[in-house]
Amino acid sequence: MHRTTDDDRTLPPALADLARTEIDYADGEGIDFEPYDAFDPAEETTDWLRRWTGNPEADGDAYRVFGQDGTGGLAALWRVRPGRPLTEQPVVFMGSEGECGVVAGSLSDFLWMLADGCGPFEAVTYGAPESRPDTTLTALAERHATTDRRPARDILAGARAEFPTFAEDIAALCR
């Protein structure tokens, strides 16, 4: 099995900052997302992907899991762009009930999505509902983002256009 470097398993500063930030669920009207203070270990990620797909040969090496929703659905950086840093990789979500999709084209775009009041679960399940800007998450995005601020629905549309077969590719892994 291919092993990654320790550096590739270290949270980028933006995710470390996000892990220290309280995200308001607002009784079901906010963002259903709990960021982690570390990436899941490689073995746990592979075990999760094997369970999620029912495929004992699935390899989780392309994913860096960094958070979850309240039901256990996981958000991850998807290492699909060779030679590019983790911050330039897309963010994906795989829910506990089979929901699956690309939610942002980069970590910066993901930060702007959160700032607009939309988490990975909401993006995949509801398609980035109306904008509900969050001042705390906007400040975090302003500190770390390298992309321009855009509404969550535009970020989601761009990510889906760039990676249109992600959900089908994951479905093809399922047994």
C-alpha atoms as a PDB file:
ATOM      1  CA  MET A   1       0.000   0.000   0.000  1.00  0.00           C
ATOM      2  CA  HIS A   2       1.247   3.470  -0.866  1.00  0.00           C
ATOM      3  CA  ARG A   3       2.101   5.566   2.180  1.00  0.00           C
ATOM      4  CA  THR A   4       1.932   9.322   2.238  1.00  0.00           C
ATOM      5  CA  THR A   5       4.337  11.657   3.933  1.00  0.00           C
ATOM      6  CA  ASP A   6       3.556  13.041   7.370  1.00  0.00           C
ATOM      7  CA  ASP A   7       3.282  16.508   5.796  1.00  0.00           C
ATOM      8  CA  ASP A   8       0.465  15.257   3.567  1.00  0.00           C
ATOM      9  CA  ARG A   9      -1.381  14.220   6.732  1.00  0.00           C
ATOM     10  CA  THR A  10      -0.975  17.588   8.464  1.00  0.00           C
ATOM     11  CA  LEU A  11      -3.992  19.895   8.422  1.00  0.00           C
ATOM     12  CA  PRO A  12      -3.396  23.013   6.328  1.00  0.00           C
ATOM     13  CA  PRO A  13      -3.584  26.181   8.488  1.00  0.00           C
ATOM     14  CA  ALA A  14      -7.093  26.994   7.207  1.00  0.00           C
ATOM     15  CA  LEU A  15      -8.453  23.625   8.376  1.00  0.00           C
ATOM     16  CA  ALA A  16      -6.638  23.899  11.702  1.00  0.00           C
ATOM     17  CA  ASP A  17      -8.277  27.314  12.179  1.00  0.00           C
ATOM     18  CA  LEU A  18     -11.654  25.888  11.120  1.00  0.00           C
ATOM     19  CA  ALA A  19     -11.286  23.096  13.705  1.00  0.00           C
ATOM     20  CA  ARG A  20     -11.068  25.771  16.419  1.00  0.00           C
ATOM     21  CA  THR A  21     -14.184  27.548  15.128  1.00  0.00           C
ATOM     22  CA  GLU A  22     -17.649  26.778  16.425  1.00  0.00           C
ATOM     23  CA  ILE A  23     -20.095  26.181  13.602  1.00  0.00           C
ATOM     24  CA  ASP A  24     -23.689  27.062  14.434  1.00  0.00           C
ATOM     25  CA  TYR A  25     -26.180  24.368  13.513  1.00  0.00           C
ATOM     26  CA  ALA A  26     -29.003  26.735  14.577  1.00  0.00           C
ATOM     27  CA  ASP A  27     -31.564  24.011  15.312  1.00  0.00           C
ATOM     28  CA  GLY A  28     -31.415  22.589  11.809  1.00  0.00           C
ATOM     29  CA  GLU A  29     -31.281  25.934  10.013  1.00  0.00           C
ATOM     30  CA  GLY A  30     -27.496  26.305  10.076  1.00  0.00           C
ATOM     31  CA  ILE A  31     -24.552  24.240   8.892  1.00  0.00           C
ATOM     32  CA  ASP A  32     -24.460  20.570   9.874  1.00  0.00           C
ATOM     33  CA  PHE A  33     -20.691  20.185   9.963  1.00  0.00           C
ATOM     34  CA  GLU A  34     -18.160  19.257  12.644  1.00  0.00           C
ATOM     35  CA  PRO A  35     -14.541  19.888  11.591  1.00  0.00           C
ATOM     36  CA  TYR A  36     -11.797  17.634  12.951  1.00  0.00           C
ATOM     37  CA  ASP A  37      -8.569  18.828  14.556  1.00  0.00           C
ATOM     38  CA  ALA A  38      -6.595  16.254  12.505  1.00  0.00           C
ATOM     39  CA  PHE A  39      -7.070  14.225   9.333  1.00  0.00           C
ATOM     40  CA  ASP A  40      -8.338  10.700   9.883  1.00  0.00           C
ATOM     41  CA  PRO A  41      -5.439   8.223   9.751  1.00  0.00           C
ATOM     42  CA  ALA A  42      -4.845   6.494   6.396  1.00  0.00           C
ATOM     43  CA  GLU A  43      -6.025   3.111   7.670  1.00  0.00           C
ATOM     44  CA  GLU A  44      -9.304   4.554   9.003  1.00  0.00           C
ATOM     45  CA  THR A  45      -9.933   6.330   5.708  1.00  0.00           C
ATOM     46  CA  THR A  46      -9.425   3.123   3.722  1.00  0.00           C
ATOM     47  CA  ASP A  47     -11.622   1.154   6.155  1.00  0.00           C
ATOM     48  CA  TRP A  48     -14.345   3.815   5.846  1.00  0.00           C
ATOM     49  CA  LEU A  49     -14.239   3.818   2.032  1.00  0.00           C
ATOM     50  CA  ARG A  50     -14.375   0.010   1.964  1.00  0.00           C
ATOM     51  CA  ARG A  51     -17.403   0.007   4.273  1.00  0.00           C
ATOM     52  CA  TRP A  52     -19.090   2.853   2.354  1.00  0.00           C
ATOM     53  CA  THR A  53     -18.653   1.133  -1.014  1.00  0.00           C
ATOM     54  CA  GLY A  54     -18.863  -2.478   0.163  1.00  0.00           C
ATOM     55  CA  ASN A  55     -15.684  -2.990  -1.853  1.00  0.00           C
ATOM     56  CA  PRO A  56     -12.872  -4.728   0.084  1.00  0.00           C
ATOM     57  CA  GLU A  57     -10.341  -3.555  -2.494  1.00  0.00           C
ATOM     58  CA  ALA A  58     -11.197   0.173  -2.398  1.00  0.00           C
ATOM     59  CA  ASP A  59      -8.244   2.343  -1.398  1.00  0.00           C
ATOM     60  CA  GLY A  60      -8.784   5.558   0.567  1.00  0.00           C
ATOM     61  CA  ASP A  61      -5.355   7.025  -0.198  1.00  0.00           C
ATOM     62  CA  ALA A  62      -6.811   9.774  -2.407  1.00  0.00           C
ATOM     63  CA  TYR A  63      -8.860  11.201   0.496  1.00  0.00           C
ATOM     64  CA  ARG A  64      -8.005  13.304   3.531  1.00  0.00           C
ATOM     65  CA  VAL A  65     -11.076  13.212   5.802  1.00  0.00           C
ATOM     66  CA  PHE A  66     -11.367  16.400   7.855  1.00  0.00           C
ATOM     67  CA  GLY A  67     -14.907  16.548   9.220  1.00  0.00           C
ATOM     68  CA  GLN A  68     -18.375  15.070   9.435  1.00  0.00           C
ATOM     69  CA  ASP A  69     -22.033  15.942   9.620  1.00  0.00           C
ATOM     70  CA  GLY A  70     -24.275  14.923  12.506  1.00  0.00           C
ATOM     71  CA  THR A  71     -25.125  11.552  10.954  1.00  0.00           C
ATOM     72  CA  GLY A  72     -21.512  10.562  10.289  1.00  0.00           C
ATOM     73  CA  GLY A  73     -21.258  11.574   6.631  1.00  0.00           C
ATOM     74  CA  LEU A  74     -17.657  12.592   5.898  1.00  0.00           C
ATOM     75  CA  ALA A  75     -16.037  15.585   4.179  1.00  0.00           C
ATOM     76  CA  ALA A  76     -12.621  15.097   2.629  1.00  0.00           C
ATOM     77  CA  LEU A  77     -10.039  16.704   0.428  1.00  0.00           C
ATOM     78  CA  TRP A  78      -9.843  14.582  -2.713  1.00  0.00           C
ATOM     79  CA  ARG A  79      -6.268  14.321  -3.982  1.00  0.00           C
ATOM     80  CA  VAL A  80      -7.123  14.236  -7.677  1.00  0.00           C
ATOM     81  CA  ARG A  81      -4.783  16.983  -8.940  1.00  0.00           C
ATOM     82  CA  PRO A  82      -1.284  15.433  -9.102  1.00  0.00           C
ATOM     83  CA  GLY A  83       1.539  17.567  -7.765  1.00  0.00           C
ATOM     84  CA  ARG A  84      -0.766  20.213  -6.306  1.00  0.00           C
ATOM     85  CA  PRO A  85      -0.954  21.005  -2.572  1.00  0.00           C
ATOM     86  CA  LEU A  86      -3.861  19.828  -0.457  1.00  0.00           C
ATOM     87  CA  THR A  87      -5.312  23.349  -0.390  1.00  0.00           C
ATOM     88  CA  GLU A  88      -5.796  23.176  -4.175  1.00  0.00           C
ATOM     89  CA  GLN A  89      -7.638  19.843  -4.120  1.00  0.00           C
ATOM     90  CA  PRO A  90     -11.447  19.632  -4.324  1.00  0.00           C
ATOM     91  CA  VAL A  91     -13.637  18.970  -1.294  1.00  0.00           C
ATOM     92  CA  VAL A  92     -16.021  16.006  -1.478  1.00  0.00           C
ATOM     93  CA  PHE A  93     -18.758  14.681   0.772  1.00  0.00           C
ATOM     94  CA  MET A  94     -19.995  11.130   1.211  1.00  0.00           C
ATOM     95  CA  GLY A  95     -23.066  10.898   3.416  1.00  0.00           C
ATOM     96  CA  SER A  96     -24.294   8.204   5.737  1.00  0.00           C
ATOM     97  CA  GLU A  97     -27.296   7.491   3.500  1.00  0.00           C
ATOM     98  CA  GLY A  98     -25.369   7.241   0.226  1.00  0.00           C
ATOM     99  CA  GLU A  99     -25.260  10.937  -0.643  1.00  0.00           C
ATOM    100  CA  CYS A 100     -22.119  11.726  -2.580  1.00  0.00           C
ATOM    101  CA  GLY A 101     -20.675  14.671  -4.457  1.00  0.00           C
ATOM    102  CA  VAL A 102     -17.984  17.245  -5.043  1.00  0.00           C
ATOM    103  CA  VAL A 103     -18.852  20.387  -3.086  1.00  0.00           C
ATOM    104  CA  ALA A 104     -16.002  22.812  -3.817  1.00  0.00           C
ATOM    105  CA  GLY A 105     -13.105  22.977  -6.250  1.00  0.00           C
ATOM    106  CA  SER A 106     -10.569  23.890  -3.561  1.00  0.00           C
ATOM    107  CA  LEU A 107     -10.211  24.471   0.148  1.00  0.00           C
ATOM    108  CA  SER A 108     -10.522  28.234  -0.436  1.00  0.00           C
ATOM    109  CA  ASP A 109     -13.819  27.760  -2.241  1.00  0.00           C
ATOM    110  CA  PHE A 110     -14.989  25.495   0.583  1.00  0.00           C
ATOM    111  CA  LEU A 111     -14.245  28.258   3.103  1.00  0.00           C
ATOM    112  CA  TRP A 112     -16.358  30.696   1.059  1.00  0.00           C
ATOM    113  CA  MET A 113     -19.128  28.089   0.881  1.00  0.00           C
ATOM    114  CA  LEU A 114     -19.150  27.847   4.678  1.00  0.00           C
ATOM    115  CA  ALA A 115     -19.068  31.649   4.929  1.00  0.00           C
ATOM    116  CA  ASP A 116     -22.209  31.709   2.763  1.00  0.00           C
ATOM    117  CA  GLY A 117     -23.948  29.413   5.267  1.00  0.00           C
ATOM    118  CA  CYS A 118     -23.684  26.126   3.377  1.00  0.00           C
ATOM    119  CA  GLY A 119     -21.857  23.003   4.523  1.00  0.00           C
ATOM    120  CA  PRO A 120     -20.947  19.870   2.580  1.00  0.00           C
ATOM    121  CA  PHE A 121     -24.086  17.959   3.620  1.00  0.00           C
ATOM    122  CA  GLU A 122     -26.344  20.846   2.600  1.00  0.00           C
ATOM    123  CA  ALA A 123     -24.534  21.258  -0.728  1.00  0.00           C
ATOM    124  CA  VAL A 124     -24.871  17.594  -1.710  1.00  0.00           C
ATOM    125  CA  THR A 125     -28.355  17.078  -0.286  1.00  0.00           C
ATOM    126  CA  TYR A 126     -30.040  20.399  -1.109  1.00  0.00           C
ATOM    127  CA  GLY A 127     -27.808  21.930  -3.795  1.00  0.00           C
ATOM    128  CA  ALA A 128     -26.613  24.949  -1.798  1.00  0.00           C
ATOM    129  CA  PRO A 129     -29.801  26.503  -0.433  1.00  0.00           C
ATOM    130  CA  GLU A 130     -30.221  30.258  -0.099  1.00  0.00           C
ATOM    131  CA  SER A 131     -27.372  32.360   1.182  1.00  0.00           C
ATOM    132  CA  ARG A 132     -27.134  32.751   4.975  1.00  0.00           C
ATOM    133  CA  PRO A 133     -23.832  34.558   5.544  1.00  0.00           C
ATOM    134  CA  ASP A 134     -22.037  33.709   8.781  1.00  0.00           C
ATOM    135  CA  THR A 135     -19.794  36.460  10.179  1.00  0.00           C
ATOM    136  CA  THR A 136     -17.413  34.120  12.022  1.00  0.00           C
ATOM    137  CA  LEU A 137     -16.904  31.866   8.998  1.00  0.00           C
ATOM    138  CA  THR A 138     -16.616  34.888   6.701  1.00  0.00           C
ATOM    139  CA  ALA A 139     -13.772  36.208   8.870  1.00  0.00           C
ATOM    140  CA  LEU A 140     -12.073  32.797   8.695  1.00  0.00           C
ATOM    141  CA  ALA A 141     -12.410  32.729   4.887  1.00  0.00           C
ATOM    142  CA  GLU A 142     -11.063  36.269   4.643  1.00  0.00           C
ATOM    143  CA  ARG A 143      -7.970  35.173   6.604  1.00  0.00           C
ATOM    144  CA  HIS A 144      -7.241  32.046   4.549  1.00  0.00           C
ATOM    145  CA  ALA A 145      -8.974  32.011   1.157  1.00  0.00           C
ATOM    146  CA  THR A 146      -6.965  32.603  -1.997  1.00  0.00           C
ATOM    147  CA  THR A 147      -9.987  32.577  -4.324  1.00  0.00           C
ATOM    148  CA  ASP A 148     -12.595  35.284  -4.775  1.00  0.00           C
ATOM    149  CA  ARG A 149     -15.715  35.242  -2.659  1.00  0.00           C
ATOM    150  CA  ARG A 150     -18.698  33.723  -4.468  1.00  0.00           C
ATOM    151  CA  PRO A 151     -22.106  32.399  -3.442  1.00  0.00           C
ATOM    152  CA  ALA A 152     -22.194  28.746  -2.376  1.00  0.00           C
ATOM    153  CA  ARG A 153     -24.433  27.820  -5.329  1.00  0.00           C
ATOM    154  CA  ASP A 154     -21.804  29.183  -7.784  1.00  0.00           C
ATOM    155  CA  ILE A 155     -19.000  27.318  -5.994  1.00  0.00           C
ATOM    156  CA  LEU A 156     -21.025  24.098  -6.107  1.00  0.00           C
ATOM    157  CA  ALA A 157     -21.898  24.566  -9.793  1.00  0.00           C
ATOM    158  CA  GLY A 158     -18.230  25.147 -10.660  1.00  0.00           C
ATOM    159  CA  ALA A 159     -17.084  22.066  -8.758  1.00  0.00           C
ATOM    160  CA  ARG A 160     -19.746  19.878 -10.360  1.00  0.00           C
ATOM    161  CA  ALA A 161     -18.829  21.192 -13.822  1.00  0.00           C
ATOM    162  CA  GLU A 162     -15.134  20.463 -13.238  1.00  0.00           C
ATOM    163  CA  PHE A 163     -15.724  16.973 -11.794  1.00  0.00           C
ATOM    164  CA  PRO A 164     -19.007  15.833 -13.377  1.00  0.00           C
ATOM    165  CA  THR A 165     -18.458  12.087 -12.890  1.00  0.00           C
ATOM    166  CA  PHE A 166     -17.365  11.972  -9.232  1.00  0.00           C
ATOM    167  CA  ALA A 167     -20.603  10.420  -7.932  1.00  0.00           C
ATOM    168  CA  GLU A 168     -20.728   7.923 -10.822  1.00  0.00           C
ATOM    169  CA  ASP A 169     -17.062   6.999 -10.279  1.00  0.00           C
ATOM    170  CA  ILE A 170     -17.753   6.320  -6.593  1.00  0.00           C
ATOM    171  CA  ALA A 171     -20.883   4.352  -7.500  1.00  0.00           C
ATOM    172  CA  ALA A 172     -18.749   2.208  -9.816  1.00  0.00           C
ATOM    173  CA  LEU A 173     -16.628   1.232  -6.796  1.00  0.00           C
ATOM    174  CA  CYS A 174     -19.681  -0.036  -4.927  1.00  0.00           C
ATOM    175  CA  ARG A 175     -20.278  -3.750  -4.658  1.00  0.00           C
END
